[in-house]
Amino acid sequence: MKNDFKFVVAIPTLNRADLLNEALERYFEDFKETHIAICDNGNQQIITREENFMIYRPEENMGVAKSWNMLMDYADKIKATHVLMLNDDIVLGKTEHEIKMVIRNNPDADFINSFHNWCSYILKVDSWKKAGKFDEEFFPAYFEDNSFDYKMTLMGAKKTWTSFLDPLVYRNSMTIAKEPNLNNRFAQNRAMYIDMWGGLPTEEKYVTKFNK
């Protein structure tokens, strides 16, 4: 793999425009030639730039899985091969050149993750489609990452973890810290995960969703 790939920086956001704008000020310098796509679930005041930038504003909060799917689909439509998905409450601290090197050095990797709870990961668009996309049944958040990780395992995906993608500034769950009721469906999502895969993460028994 030389230059036969294209990546998009994608960020879903809900209520942390304060932290996102801080990050975007840096990303506009770090990713000058890279397309940045935002899914704004909260109709926030977000800074912009004239080129290589898109904000999608749904009428209501789509949740994490649907937001990820929308951003992956957008990347596919503009013929990107990879997506660098970032949380809105981190600052990555890497440049487009460095991300290109990560992708170039891992040509067979379907998924490259940091060690910080899916806050910064690279996913091949084709692998996202092959795995069956993110499960939107998990709303607004929790267990959508576990479910997709398990589906990647089922399809034999090559998954890699690297500290290189650990963010320069890491803040855990600042969206929920600002709006705790987003955590209200944790128990329901946990029960749904068991129904969907026959057990909790690492204890799954089914090889198809809901054993169908």
Protein backbone atom coordinates (compact mmCIF):
# COMPACT_ATOMS: atom_id res chain seq x y z
CA MET A 1 0.00 0.00 0.00
CA LYS A 2 1.54 3.26 -1.14
CA ASN A 3 -0.84 6.11 -1.83
CA ASP A 4 -3.81 3.96 -2.83
CA PHE A 5 -5.87 4.99 0.19
CA LYS A 6 -7.72 8.02 1.46
CA PHE A 7 -8.85 8.68 5.00
CA VAL A 8 -11.44 10.96 6.55
CA VAL A 9 -11.39 12.40 10.07
CA ALA A 10 -14.88 11.82 11.51
CA ILE A 11 -16.28 13.10 14.81
CA PRO A 12 -19.76 12.60 16.30
CA THR A 13 -20.72 15.19 18.89
CA LEU A 14 -23.68 15.97 21.13
CA ASN A 15 -23.10 18.54 23.85
CA ARG A 16 -19.34 19.20 24.05
CA ALA A 17 -18.79 21.86 21.40
CA ASP A 18 -16.57 23.61 23.94
CA LEU A 19 -14.12 20.72 23.87
CA LEU A 20 -14.64 19.92 20.19
CA ASN A 21 -13.86 23.48 19.09
CA GLU A 22 -10.66 23.35 21.10
CA ALA A 23 -9.69 20.19 19.23
CA LEU A 24 -10.79 21.49 15.82
CA GLU A 25 -8.55 24.53 16.12
CA ARG A 26 -5.65 22.10 16.21
CA TYR A 27 -7.07 19.66 13.65
CA PHE A 28 -7.45 22.46 11.09
CA GLU A 29 -3.65 22.73 11.24
CA ASP A 30 -2.85 19.03 11.69
CA PHE A 31 -5.21 17.88 8.91
CA LYS A 32 -5.05 20.72 6.37
CA GLU A 33 -5.53 18.45 3.33
CA THR A 34 -7.73 15.83 5.01
CA HIS A 35 -11.51 15.93 4.94
CA ILE A 36 -13.10 16.41 8.38
CA ALA A 37 -16.72 15.30 8.84
CA ILE A 38 -18.82 16.16 11.90
CA CYS A 39 -22.14 14.66 12.99
CA ASP A 40 -23.60 17.29 15.31
CA ASN A 41 -26.41 15.70 17.30
CA GLY A 42 -26.96 18.82 19.39
CA ASN A 43 -27.25 21.75 16.95
CA GLN A 44 -24.20 23.40 18.49
CA GLN A 45 -22.04 26.37 17.57
CA ILE A 46 -19.11 24.60 15.94
CA ILE A 47 -16.23 26.34 14.21
CA THR A 48 -15.78 25.59 10.51
CA ARG A 49 -13.39 26.04 7.62
CA GLU A 50 -14.08 26.63 3.94
CA GLU A 51 -12.57 23.48 2.41
CA ASN A 52 -12.43 19.77 3.30
CA PHE A 53 -15.12 20.12 5.93
CA MET A 54 -18.70 18.91 6.42
CA ILE A 55 -21.21 19.17 9.28
CA TYR A 56 -24.35 17.05 9.31
CA ARG A 57 -27.06 18.14 11.74
CA PRO A 58 -29.87 15.60 12.26
CA GLU A 59 -33.18 16.77 13.69
CA GLU A 60 -32.62 14.72 16.84
CA ASN A 61 -29.83 12.82 18.55
CA MET A 62 -29.08 9.72 16.48
CA GLY A 63 -26.94 8.05 19.13
CA VAL A 64 -23.42 6.73 18.75
CA ALA A 65 -23.98 3.75 16.43
CA LYS A 66 -26.15 5.60 13.93
CA SER A 67 -23.78 8.58 13.98
CA TRP A 68 -20.81 6.30 13.31
CA ASN A 69 -22.73 4.65 10.48
CA MET A 70 -23.63 8.00 8.96
CA LEU A 71 -20.02 9.16 9.06
CA MET A 72 -18.74 5.88 7.62
CA ASP A 73 -21.34 6.08 4.86
CA TYR A 74 -20.29 9.65 4.09
CA ALA A 75 -16.67 8.54 3.83
CA ASP A 76 -17.73 5.79 1.44
CA LYS A 77 -19.63 8.29 -0.73
CA ILE A 78 -16.55 10.49 -1.13
CA LYS A 79 -14.51 7.36 -1.94
CA ALA A 80 -12.42 7.25 1.24
CA THR A 81 -10.95 3.87 2.14
CA HIS A 82 -10.41 4.52 5.86
CA VAL A 83 -11.99 6.60 8.61
CA LEU A 84 -10.18 8.01 11.62
CA MET A 85 -13.04 8.20 14.12
CA LEU A 86 -12.49 10.50 17.10
CA ASN A 87 -14.45 11.39 20.22
CA ASP A 88 -15.38 15.04 20.59
CA ASP A 89 -13.80 15.30 24.05
CA ILE A 90 -10.21 14.41 23.10
CA VAL A 91 -7.32 16.08 21.31
CA LEU A 92 -5.50 13.53 19.19
CA GLY A 93 -2.18 15.29 18.73
CA LYS A 94 -1.20 13.61 15.45
CA THR A 95 -0.87 14.96 11.91
CA GLU A 96 -2.27 13.70 8.63
CA HIS A 97 1.22 12.55 7.66
CA GLU A 98 1.50 10.48 10.83
CA ILE A 99 -1.94 8.91 10.35
CA LYS A 100 -1.02 8.05 6.77
CA MET A 101 2.07 6.31 8.10
CA VAL A 102 -0.03 4.25 10.53
CA ILE A 103 -2.30 3.13 7.69
CA ARG A 104 0.63 2.50 5.35
CA ASN A 105 2.45 0.43 7.98
CA ASN A 106 -0.64 -1.71 8.65
CA PRO A 107 -1.92 -2.49 5.16
CA ASP A 108 -3.80 -5.63 6.21
CA ALA A 109 -5.43 -4.18 9.32
CA ASP A 110 -9.19 -3.87 9.19
CA PHE A 111 -9.29 -1.97 12.47
CA ILE A 112 -6.61 -0.03 14.35
CA ASN A 113 -7.54 1.13 17.83
CA SER A 114 -6.01 3.14 20.65
CA PHE A 115 -5.92 1.78 24.20
CA HIS A 116 -8.58 4.26 25.36
CA ASN A 117 -12.11 2.92 24.93
CA TRP A 118 -12.65 3.46 21.22
CA CYS A 119 -12.02 7.20 21.53
CA SER A 120 -9.62 7.13 18.57
CA TYR A 121 -9.68 4.37 15.97
CA ILE A 122 -9.12 3.74 12.27
CA LEU A 123 -11.58 1.53 10.41
CA LYS A 124 -11.52 0.40 6.80
CA VAL A 125 -14.73 1.36 5.01
CA ASP A 126 -14.91 -2.03 3.27
CA SER A 127 -14.46 -3.84 6.59
CA TRP A 128 -17.27 -1.79 8.15
CA LYS A 129 -19.57 -2.88 5.33
CA LYS A 130 -18.44 -6.49 5.48
CA ALA A 131 -19.03 -6.71 9.24
CA GLY A 132 -22.57 -5.40 8.83
CA LYS A 133 -22.11 -1.86 10.15
CA PHE A 134 -22.70 -0.70 13.73
CA ASP A 135 -25.81 -2.03 15.47
CA GLU A 136 -28.19 0.88 15.90
CA GLU A 137 -30.33 -1.09 18.35
CA PHE A 138 -27.91 0.18 21.02
CA PHE A 139 -29.14 3.70 21.73
CA PRO A 140 -27.95 6.25 22.61
CA ALA A 141 -24.66 4.62 23.66
CA TYR A 142 -22.93 1.60 25.19
CA PHE A 143 -22.34 -1.86 23.75
CA GLU A 144 -22.36 -0.73 20.10
CA ASP A 145 -18.56 -0.95 20.15
CA ASN A 146 -18.58 -4.38 21.81
CA SER A 147 -21.06 -5.67 19.26
CA PHE A 148 -19.06 -4.44 16.30
CA ASP A 149 -15.85 -5.81 17.79
CA TYR A 150 -17.49 -9.22 18.11
CA LYS A 151 -18.78 -9.07 14.53
CA MET A 152 -15.25 -8.30 13.36
CA THR A 153 -14.03 -11.34 15.28
CA LEU A 154 -16.68 -13.49 13.59
CA MET A 155 -15.54 -12.36 10.15
CA GLY A 156 -11.88 -12.95 10.95
CA ALA A 157 -10.91 -9.29 10.80
CA LYS A 158 -7.37 -8.23 11.60
CA LYS A 159 -7.52 -5.95 14.63
CA THR A 160 -4.55 -3.97 15.91
CA TRP A 161 -4.05 -1.83 19.01
CA THR A 162 -1.41 0.86 19.23
CA SER A 163 -0.51 3.51 21.77
CA PHE A 164 0.28 5.76 18.82
CA LEU A 165 -3.43 6.52 18.55
CA ASP A 166 -3.74 7.32 22.26
CA PRO A 167 -4.82 10.97 22.37
CA LEU A 168 -2.64 13.78 23.61
CA VAL A 169 -5.57 14.98 25.72
CA TYR A 170 -7.87 12.22 26.97
CA ARG A 171 -11.09 12.92 28.83
CA ASN A 172 -13.37 9.97 29.51
CA SER A 173 -17.16 10.29 28.97
CA MET A 174 -17.37 14.07 29.16
CA THR A 175 -20.63 14.00 27.18
CA ILE A 176 -22.30 11.91 29.87
CA ALA A 177 -20.67 14.00 32.59
CA LYS A 178 -22.55 16.99 31.16
CA GLU A 179 -25.79 15.08 30.49
CA PRO A 180 -26.02 12.04 32.84
CA ASN A 181 -29.43 10.91 31.54
CA LEU A 182 -27.67 9.63 28.42
CA ASN A 183 -26.64 6.71 30.62
CA ASN A 184 -30.23 5.76 31.46
CA ARG A 185 -30.42 2.94 28.93
CA PHE A 186 -27.25 1.16 30.02
CA ALA A 187 -29.18 -1.70 31.66
CA GLN A 188 -31.47 -2.11 28.64
CA ASN A 189 -28.51 -2.12 26.25
CA ARG A 190 -26.74 -4.68 28.42
CA ALA A 191 -29.79 -6.95 28.31
CA MET A 192 -30.08 -6.45 24.56
CA TYR A 193 -26.45 -7.45 24.09
CA ILE A 194 -27.12 -10.72 25.91
CA ASP A 195 -30.20 -11.32 23.76
CA MET A 196 -28.32 -10.45 20.59
CA TRP A 197 -25.18 -12.52 21.15
CA GLY A 198 -26.05 -15.04 23.88
CA GLY A 199 -23.81 -13.52 26.54
CA LEU A 200 -21.93 -10.45 27.66
CA PRO A 201 -18.73 -9.32 25.89
CA THR A 202 -16.15 -12.19 25.88
CA GLU A 203 -18.99 -14.61 26.76
CA GLU A 204 -20.87 -14.57 23.44
CA LYS A 205 -22.35 -17.85 22.15
CA TYR A 206 -24.19 -16.91 18.95
CA VAL A 207 -22.59 -16.49 15.53
CA THR A 208 -25.55 -14.55 14.13
CA LYS A 209 -27.55 -11.73 15.68
CA PHE A 210 -30.23 -13.03 18.02
CA ASN A 211 -29.16 -16.54 16.94
CA LYS A 212 -31.19 -16.23 13.74
